[in-house]
Amino acid sequence: MFICRFLIFLLIVVPFSVSAVSFNVSTSYDFDMSLKKAKDGDLIILKTGVYNGNFSIRSSISIFADGFVLLTSNGKDDVLRIEASNVKIKGIFFYNSGKDMLEKNSCIFINGSNVCILNSFFSECGFGIWVNGSSYNYVLNNVFLGSSDLILSDRGNTIQLYKTSNTVVSNNFIINGRDGIYITNSHEVSINRNIFSNVRFGIHYMFSSKCNVISNMISDSLIGVAVMYSKYVDLINNFSYWNINHGLFFRDVLYSRILRNKSLFNEDGVLLGNSYYNDIINNDIIKNNIGIKVYSGSDENLVYDNNFISNRWQAQFLDNKKLIWNSRRVGNFWSHYIGWDLDMDNIGDKKFYVTSISDWLVFSYPVLRVMFNSPALVLLQKIENQFPAFRKFSIVDNYPLMRPIIW
């Protein structure tokens, strides 16, 4: 029995292990030659060392590190180009690629499908990883330390996904650089359980569809999550906080689900512009300067069971129509709602006009902020309540909740 098991082991393992290349001391010439000689299915094991050059993979191989392995191009072009499918890279430090954004200089540039990059470290890259027009790629459990020296707009994106499908980016830590993950002209891309800090946009979707963004954390950036000109995007259980502009940003977004997200301590918790037919449910919008900013339409959305708590301004509404934000029987919780609940069903007995004419005046003419609590504006609010004809178009919640939603 033991002999049979040993023979089976040899049949499975030997075809891969006999072609493995193991270097005790390696130069760029040694590694480059091993890549040129590699055949499909080979495993290259790199021993501890620094490997200099512009390397290219053209076979379906795996490259693992045994010890501390650093690949660098010393600031010129790409460190590693993957021109084949079915490639796996594990445990390698990528450092100092070229910085020419027009040439897309990257630490790893991927032209193949079914490529897996995991447990690796990236620093001083133009673009960290550029996935170019391929599918079924995986970027898992990596650390990206982007540059903070250049002007923000001159830096490369940490991970760039261009015309890709069925790609997963999960469990990565990303700091500095331009956009953490930039996705364009792609579909069925999953961005899950990543941590971002000090970038421009943590996650940035453009012209994409059928994607999901789940359980990510973004802080200390310009914008947490930005979804633009996209449809059928699921944004679920993300945490965006202490961002300079917007926690969650949606522009020209259709048929998407925005569920169970938390947006705290941002300038705007949520910005919603020209977006329709979306479900916005069970989100916590807390202690932002403006809870939610709505402009350019953005009607026909289903908005209920959200908590708007202790924002300096709960909503900024700049449009000329009335929006209804509730389901058939349930609305949202607004911490500044003043009402009563005589039947004790946790729903306020009077509808809530989230924004008022005084809000509209202040947002339209910021100089009036100094007069917000002045007798003139207080009188205007009272007149608006008594005479609905004076009421400016507003967000209306017909069933405001008396207590926050716990989910």
Protein backbone atom coordinates (compact mmCIF):
# COMPACT_ATOMS: atom_id res chain seq x y z
CA MET A 1 0.00 0.00 0.00
CA PHE A 2 2.79 2.41 0.87
CA ILE A 3 4.57 1.66 -2.44
CA CYS A 4 1.35 2.35 -4.38
CA ARG A 5 0.86 5.67 -2.62
CA PHE A 6 4.50 6.58 -3.26
CA LEU A 7 4.17 5.82 -6.97
CA ILE A 8 0.99 7.93 -7.18
CA PHE A 9 2.84 10.77 -5.44
CA LEU A 10 5.67 10.54 -8.00
CA LEU A 11 3.24 10.57 -10.91
CA ILE A 12 1.53 13.73 -9.59
CA VAL A 13 4.47 15.72 -8.21
CA VAL A 14 7.52 14.80 -10.26
CA PRO A 15 6.36 16.35 -13.57
CA PHE A 16 6.26 19.70 -11.81
CA SER A 17 9.18 19.40 -9.44
CA VAL A 18 11.79 18.18 -11.89
CA SER A 19 11.47 21.37 -13.91
CA ALA A 20 11.66 23.66 -10.85
CA VAL A 21 14.58 26.07 -10.84
CA SER A 22 16.08 26.81 -7.42
CA PHE A 23 18.69 29.58 -7.06
CA ASN A 24 20.92 30.09 -4.05
CA VAL A 25 22.52 33.19 -5.63
CA SER A 26 20.74 34.52 -8.67
CA THR A 27 21.27 37.34 -11.16
CA SER A 28 18.82 38.94 -13.57
CA TYR A 29 20.39 36.85 -16.34
CA ASP A 30 19.78 33.62 -14.43
CA PHE A 31 16.13 34.44 -13.72
CA ASP A 32 15.50 35.76 -17.20
CA MET A 33 16.94 32.61 -18.77
CA SER A 34 14.89 30.38 -16.49
CA LEU A 35 11.75 32.20 -17.64
CA LYS A 36 12.69 31.78 -21.30
CA LYS A 37 13.31 28.05 -20.82
CA ALA A 38 10.16 27.48 -18.74
CA LYS A 39 7.42 25.26 -20.12
CA ASP A 40 3.74 25.08 -19.25
CA GLY A 41 3.24 23.61 -15.80
CA ASP A 42 6.73 24.43 -14.49
CA LEU A 43 7.33 25.74 -11.00
CA ILE A 44 10.14 28.23 -10.43
CA ILE A 45 11.26 28.62 -6.83
CA LEU A 46 13.35 31.71 -6.20
CA LYS A 47 15.75 31.74 -3.30
CA THR A 48 16.48 34.84 -1.24
CA GLY A 49 17.95 37.62 -3.36
CA VAL A 50 17.42 40.77 -5.43
CA TYR A 51 16.56 40.20 -9.10
CA ASN A 52 17.06 43.18 -11.42
CA GLY A 53 15.50 43.49 -14.86
CA ASN A 54 12.36 43.71 -16.95
CA PHE A 55 11.01 40.18 -16.76
CA SER A 56 8.43 38.53 -19.00
CA ILE A 57 6.39 35.36 -18.49
CA ARG A 58 5.23 33.62 -21.66
CA SER A 59 4.37 30.17 -20.30
CA SER A 60 1.75 28.88 -17.88
CA ILE A 61 4.00 28.62 -14.84
CA SER A 62 4.10 29.32 -11.11
CA ILE A 63 6.72 31.40 -9.32
CA PHE A 64 7.11 31.09 -5.56
CA ALA A 65 9.53 32.74 -3.18
CA ASP A 66 11.70 30.75 -0.80
CA GLY A 67 12.85 33.50 1.57
CA PHE A 68 13.00 37.22 0.83
CA VAL A 69 12.81 37.72 -2.94
CA LEU A 70 12.77 41.21 -4.47
CA LEU A 71 12.09 41.92 -8.14
CA THR A 72 12.88 45.41 -9.40
CA SER A 73 13.39 47.19 -12.69
CA ASN A 74 15.25 50.08 -11.04
CA GLY A 75 12.66 52.62 -12.17
CA LYS A 76 12.49 51.56 -15.84
CA ASP A 77 9.43 50.13 -17.64
CA ASP A 78 7.60 47.15 -16.09
CA VAL A 79 9.09 44.88 -13.48
CA LEU A 80 7.11 41.85 -14.68
CA ARG A 81 4.89 41.35 -17.73
CA ILE A 82 2.64 38.32 -17.84
CA GLU A 83 1.82 37.43 -21.44
CA ALA A 84 0.42 33.97 -20.71
CA SER A 85 -2.63 32.53 -18.98
CA ASN A 86 -2.72 30.19 -15.97
CA VAL A 87 0.10 31.90 -14.05
CA LYS A 88 0.54 32.04 -10.28
CA ILE A 89 2.82 34.43 -8.37
CA LYS A 90 3.26 34.05 -4.61
CA GLY A 91 5.25 35.70 -1.86
CA ILE A 92 7.41 38.16 -3.86
CA PHE A 93 8.39 41.79 -3.17
CA PHE A 94 7.93 44.02 -6.25
CA TYR A 95 9.78 47.31 -6.09
CA ASN A 96 10.43 50.45 -8.15
CA SER A 97 8.95 50.07 -11.62
CA GLY A 98 8.98 52.89 -14.17
CA LYS A 99 6.69 55.87 -13.50
CA ASP A 100 5.58 56.77 -17.02
CA MET A 101 1.78 56.85 -16.79
CA LEU A 102 1.29 57.09 -20.57
CA GLU A 103 3.30 53.88 -21.02
CA LYS A 104 1.33 52.20 -18.20
CA ASN A 105 4.54 51.30 -16.35
CA SER A 106 3.60 48.74 -13.71
CA CYS A 107 5.15 46.41 -11.22
CA ILE A 108 3.00 43.69 -12.83
CA PHE A 109 1.29 44.12 -16.20
CA ILE A 110 -1.11 41.26 -17.00
CA ASN A 111 -2.19 40.32 -20.51
CA GLY A 112 -3.27 36.77 -19.65
CA SER A 113 -6.31 35.19 -18.03
CA ASN A 114 -6.54 33.06 -14.91
CA VAL A 115 -3.57 34.82 -13.30
CA CYS A 116 -3.30 34.73 -9.51
CA ILE A 117 -1.18 37.21 -7.54
CA LEU A 118 -1.12 36.48 -3.82
CA ASN A 119 0.77 37.12 -0.60
CA SER A 120 3.06 39.67 -2.27
CA PHE A 121 4.26 43.19 -1.45
CA PHE A 122 4.36 46.20 -3.79
CA SER A 123 6.19 49.48 -3.31
CA GLU A 124 7.19 52.46 -5.49
CA CYS A 125 5.28 51.22 -8.52
CA GLY A 126 3.90 53.33 -11.36
CA PHE A 127 0.76 51.21 -11.42
CA GLY A 128 0.87 48.38 -8.91
CA ILE A 129 -0.98 45.82 -11.03
CA TRP A 130 -2.55 46.53 -14.42
CA VAL A 131 -4.98 43.86 -15.66
CA ASN A 132 -5.43 44.45 -19.36
CA GLY A 133 -8.38 43.02 -21.30
CA SER A 134 -8.37 39.58 -19.72
CA SER A 135 -10.64 37.57 -17.44
CA TYR A 136 -10.71 35.30 -14.39
CA ASN A 137 -7.81 36.98 -12.62
CA TYR A 138 -7.25 37.06 -8.85
CA VAL A 139 -5.41 39.57 -6.67
CA LEU A 140 -5.46 38.22 -3.12
CA ASN A 141 -3.82 38.96 0.24
CA ASN A 142 -1.27 41.54 -0.94
CA VAL A 143 0.11 44.76 0.54
CA PHE A 144 0.48 47.86 -1.67
CA LEU A 145 2.48 50.85 -0.47
CA GLY A 146 2.03 53.57 -3.09
CA SER A 147 4.05 56.71 -3.58
CA SER A 148 3.18 59.90 -1.71
CA ASP A 149 5.94 62.02 -3.26
CA LEU A 150 4.31 63.02 -6.55
CA ILE A 151 1.26 65.18 -7.10
CA LEU A 152 -1.79 62.98 -6.51
CA SER A 153 -2.98 63.15 -10.12
CA ASP A 154 0.49 62.14 -11.39
CA ARG A 155 0.55 58.87 -9.49
CA GLY A 156 -0.60 55.57 -10.94
CA ASN A 157 -3.57 53.61 -9.66
CA THR A 158 -2.65 50.84 -7.30
CA ILE A 159 -4.74 48.24 -9.12
CA GLN A 160 -6.10 49.00 -12.60
CA LEU A 161 -8.70 46.70 -14.13
CA TYR A 162 -9.36 47.48 -17.80
CA LYS A 163 -11.83 45.53 -19.93
CA THR A 164 -11.76 42.61 -17.55
CA SER A 165 -14.44 40.18 -16.45
CA ASN A 166 -14.88 37.67 -13.64
CA THR A 167 -11.96 39.12 -11.70
CA VAL A 168 -11.64 39.11 -7.89
CA VAL A 169 -9.64 41.56 -5.76
CA SER A 170 -9.84 40.53 -2.13
CA ASN A 171 -8.10 40.92 1.25
CA ASN A 172 -5.54 43.50 0.15
CA PHE A 173 -4.15 46.47 2.09
CA ILE A 174 -3.64 49.62 0.01
CA ILE A 175 -2.15 52.92 1.16
CA ASN A 176 -1.10 56.03 -0.82
CA GLY A 177 -1.04 56.15 -4.62
CA ARG A 178 -3.87 57.57 -6.75
CA ASP A 179 -7.01 55.37 -6.85
CA GLY A 180 -6.88 52.23 -4.76
CA ILE A 181 -8.73 50.11 -7.33
CA TYR A 182 -9.87 51.60 -10.65
CA ILE A 183 -12.28 49.52 -12.72
CA THR A 184 -13.35 50.60 -16.18
CA ASN A 185 -15.24 48.96 -19.08
CA SER A 186 -15.52 45.75 -17.08
CA HIS A 187 -18.20 43.42 -15.80
CA GLU A 188 -18.61 40.84 -13.06
CA VAL A 189 -15.74 42.20 -10.99
CA SER A 190 -15.72 41.52 -7.23
CA ILE A 191 -13.96 43.87 -4.80
CA ASN A 192 -14.16 42.31 -1.34
CA ARG A 193 -12.64 42.80 2.14
CA ASN A 194 -9.91 45.27 1.20
CA ILE A 195 -8.57 48.13 3.35
CA PHE A 196 -7.70 51.53 1.82
CA SER A 197 -6.14 54.66 3.27
CA ASN A 198 -4.81 57.96 1.93
CA VAL A 199 -5.76 57.52 -1.72
CA ARG A 200 -7.84 59.65 -4.09
CA PHE A 201 -10.78 57.26 -4.58
CA GLY A 202 -10.67 54.02 -2.61
CA ILE A 203 -12.74 52.11 -5.18
CA HIS A 204 -13.60 53.74 -8.51
CA TYR A 205 -15.96 52.16 -11.06
CA MET A 206 -16.49 53.60 -14.54
CA PHE A 207 -18.62 52.17 -17.39
CA SER A 208 -19.00 48.77 -15.72
CA SER A 209 -21.83 46.39 -14.91
CA LYS A 210 -22.80 43.39 -12.80
CA CYS A 211 -20.11 44.02 -10.19
CA ASN A 212 -20.04 43.85 -6.42
CA VAL A 213 -18.23 45.77 -3.69
CA ILE A 214 -18.54 43.98 -0.35
CA SER A 215 -17.08 44.53 3.15
CA ASN A 216 -14.33 47.02 2.26
CA MET A 217 -12.97 49.74 4.57
CA ILE A 218 -11.89 53.15 3.22
CA SER A 219 -10.60 56.08 5.26
CA ASP A 220 -8.59 59.32 5.04
CA SER A 221 -9.07 59.64 1.28
CA LEU A 222 -10.82 62.13 -0.99
CA ILE A 223 -13.70 59.74 -1.78
CA GLY A 224 -14.42 56.33 -0.30
CA VAL A 225 -16.33 54.54 -3.07
CA ALA A 226 -17.17 56.18 -6.41
CA VAL A 227 -19.48 54.45 -8.88
CA MET A 228 -20.00 56.33 -12.15
CA TYR A 229 -21.77 55.55 -15.43
CA SER A 230 -22.39 51.97 -14.30
CA LYS A 231 -25.32 49.64 -13.66
CA TYR A 232 -26.18 46.52 -11.69
CA VAL A 233 -23.56 47.18 -9.02
CA ASP A 234 -24.01 45.73 -5.52
CA LEU A 235 -22.46 47.89 -2.79
CA ILE A 236 -22.93 45.98 0.45
CA ASN A 237 -21.55 46.24 3.99
CA ASN A 238 -18.75 48.73 3.30
CA PHE A 239 -17.34 51.17 5.87
CA SER A 240 -16.27 54.61 4.65
CA TYR A 241 -15.11 57.19 7.17
CA TRP A 242 -13.00 60.34 7.65
CA ASN A 243 -12.87 61.05 3.92
CA ILE A 244 -12.34 64.62 2.75
CA ASN A 245 -15.19 64.85 0.23
CA HIS A 246 -17.65 61.97 -0.08
CA GLY A 247 -18.04 58.67 1.72
CA LEU A 248 -20.12 57.10 -1.07
CA PHE A 249 -20.43 58.75 -4.50
CA PHE A 250 -22.94 57.73 -7.17
CA ARG A 251 -23.28 59.44 -10.54
CA ASP A 252 -25.29 58.05 -13.44
CA VAL A 253 -25.83 54.74 -11.66
CA LEU A 254 -28.74 52.46 -12.59
CA TYR A 255 -30.36 49.31 -11.18
CA SER A 256 -27.91 48.95 -8.31
CA ARG A 257 -28.21 47.88 -4.67
CA ILE A 258 -26.70 50.01 -1.89
CA LEU A 259 -27.22 47.99 1.26
CA ARG A 260 -25.93 47.97 4.86
CA ASN A 261 -23.09 50.45 4.32
CA LYS A 262 -21.74 52.83 6.93
CA SER A 263 -20.59 56.35 6.04
CA LEU A 264 -19.27 58.41 8.95
CA PHE A 265 -17.34 61.65 9.53
CA ASN A 266 -17.09 62.60 5.83
CA GLU A 267 -17.90 65.93 4.25
CA ASP A 268 -20.84 64.18 2.51
CA GLY A 269 -22.02 60.78 3.67
CA VAL A 270 -23.59 60.02 0.28
CA LEU A 271 -23.71 61.95 -2.99
CA LEU A 272 -26.44 60.88 -5.39
CA GLY A 273 -26.53 62.44 -8.84
CA ASN A 274 -28.54 61.51 -11.93
CA SER A 275 -29.02 57.97 -10.61
CA TYR A 276 -32.25 56.01 -11.00
CA TYR A 277 -33.94 52.71 -10.10
CA ASN A 278 -31.57 51.89 -7.26
CA ASP A 279 -32.32 50.28 -3.89
CA ILE A 280 -30.83 52.25 -0.97
CA ILE A 281 -31.65 50.29 2.17
CA ASN A 282 -30.26 49.70 5.68
CA ASN A 283 -27.40 52.20 5.48
CA ASP A 284 -25.99 54.18 8.40
CA ILE A 285 -25.23 57.81 7.49
CA ILE A 286 -23.83 59.29 10.69
CA LYS A 287 -22.03 62.47 11.76
CA ASN A 288 -21.13 63.80 8.34
CA ASN A 289 -21.24 67.48 7.51
CA ILE A 290 -24.02 66.67 4.99
CA GLY A 291 -25.75 63.32 5.35
CA ILE A 292 -26.85 62.92 1.75
CA LYS A 293 -26.51 65.30 -1.20
CA VAL A 294 -28.99 64.85 -4.05
CA TYR A 295 -28.91 66.63 -7.40
CA SER A 296 -29.74 66.22 -11.11
CA GLY A 297 -32.80 64.07 -10.81
CA SER A 298 -32.09 60.88 -8.90
CA ASP A 299 -35.78 59.96 -8.54
CA GLU A 300 -37.33 56.52 -8.92
CA ASN A 301 -35.03 55.16 -6.22
CA LEU A 302 -36.32 52.98 -3.37
CA VAL A 303 -34.99 54.54 -0.16
CA TYR A 304 -36.03 53.22 3.25
CA ASP A 305 -34.80 51.70 6.53
CA ASN A 306 -31.75 54.00 6.56
CA ASN A 307 -30.41 55.82 9.61
CA PHE A 308 -29.56 59.52 9.20
CA ILE A 309 -28.08 60.42 12.56
CA SER A 310 -26.40 63.59 13.85
CA ASN A 311 -25.30 64.93 10.49
CA ARG A 312 -24.82 68.68 10.57
CA TRP A 313 -27.21 68.89 7.61
CA GLN A 314 -29.23 65.75 7.07
CA ALA A 315 -29.79 66.38 3.38
CA GLN A 316 -28.94 68.82 0.63
CA PHE A 317 -31.50 68.71 -2.15
CA LEU A 318 -30.94 70.73 -5.31
CA ASP A 319 -33.70 69.85 -7.73
CA ASN A 320 -37.14 71.07 -8.76
CA LYS A 321 -39.25 68.03 -8.01
CA LYS A 322 -40.51 66.18 -4.96
CA LEU A 323 -38.85 62.90 -3.97
CA ILE A 324 -40.62 60.26 -1.88
CA TRP A 325 -38.25 58.25 0.29
CA ASN A 326 -40.12 55.37 1.89
CA SER A 327 -41.50 51.98 1.03
CA ARG A 328 -45.23 51.29 1.19
CA ARG A 329 -45.26 51.43 4.98
CA VAL A 330 -41.70 52.12 6.24
CA GLY A 331 -39.50 55.17 5.91
CA ASN A 332 -36.14 56.18 7.36
CA PHE A 333 -34.88 57.33 10.72
CA TRP A 334 -34.02 61.04 10.87
CA SER A 335 -32.45 62.13 14.13
CA HIS A 336 -33.85 65.68 13.75
CA TYR A 337 -37.44 64.56 13.11
CA ILE A 338 -39.84 66.03 15.67
CA GLY A 339 -43.12 64.15 15.74
CA TRP A 340 -45.28 61.78 17.71
CA ASP A 341 -46.31 58.12 17.56
CA LEU A 342 -49.70 57.77 19.22
CA ASP A 343 -50.32 54.21 17.99
CA MET A 344 -46.83 53.08 19.12
CA ASP A 345 -45.93 51.38 15.83
CA ASN A 346 -42.49 53.08 15.62
CA ILE A 347 -43.66 55.19 12.68
CA GLY A 348 -44.23 58.92 13.06
CA ASP A 349 -47.83 60.02 12.69
CA LYS A 350 -46.99 62.96 10.45
CA LYS A 351 -44.98 62.99 7.27
CA PHE A 352 -41.52 64.50 7.36
CA TYR A 353 -40.23 67.12 4.93
CA VAL A 354 -36.52 66.39 5.10
CA THR A 355 -35.49 69.71 3.54
CA SER A 356 -37.11 73.10 3.82
CA ILE A 357 -37.06 76.41 1.98
CA SER A 358 -34.51 77.77 4.44
CA ASP A 359 -32.22 74.79 3.68
CA TRP A 360 -32.58 75.50 -0.03
CA LEU A 361 -31.70 79.15 0.46
CA VAL A 362 -28.63 78.35 2.55
CA PHE A 363 -27.32 75.74 0.09
CA SER A 364 -28.05 77.95 -2.91
CA TYR A 365 -26.56 81.06 -1.31
CA PRO A 366 -23.90 79.95 1.20
CA VAL A 367 -23.46 83.49 2.52
CA LEU A 368 -26.81 83.01 4.30
CA ARG A 369 -25.31 80.37 6.60
CA VAL A 370 -24.55 83.11 9.12
CA MET A 371 -28.29 83.86 9.23
CA PHE A 372 -29.54 80.30 9.56
CA ASN A 373 -30.94 80.80 13.06
CA SER A 374 -31.93 84.39 12.47
CA PRO A 375 -35.53 85.52 13.19
CA ALA A 376 -36.14 86.01 9.46
CA LEU A 377 -35.35 82.41 8.49
CA VAL A 378 -37.11 81.00 11.56
CA LEU A 379 -40.23 82.97 10.54
CA LEU A 380 -39.87 81.65 6.98
CA GLN A 381 -39.81 78.07 8.30
CA LYS A 382 -43.00 78.68 10.30
CA ILE A 383 -44.74 80.21 7.31
CA GLU A 384 -43.72 77.20 5.20
CA ASN A 385 -45.22 74.81 7.77
CA GLN A 386 -48.49 76.75 7.94
CA PHE A 387 -48.86 77.47 4.25
CA PRO A 388 -47.76 74.52 2.03
CA ALA A 389 -47.99 76.74 -1.05
CA PHE A 390 -44.77 78.38 0.10
CA ARG A 391 -43.03 75.02 0.41
CA LYS A 392 -40.00 74.40 -1.78
CA PHE A 393 -39.67 71.02 -3.50
CA SER A 394 -38.33 68.59 -0.96
CA ILE A 395 -37.47 65.02 -0.02
CA VAL A 396 -40.55 63.68 1.77
CA ASP A 397 -40.68 60.70 4.11
CA ASN A 398 -44.31 59.67 4.66
CA TYR A 399 -43.44 57.10 7.33
CA PRO A 400 -40.47 58.44 9.33
CA LEU A 401 -39.19 56.01 11.93
CA MET A 402 -39.14 56.94 15.60
CA ARG A 403 -36.11 54.80 16.44
CA PRO A 404 -32.97 53.85 14.51
CA ILE A 405 -32.90 50.61 12.59
CA ILE A 406 -30.66 47.93 14.13
CA TRP A 407 -29.47 45.48 11.49
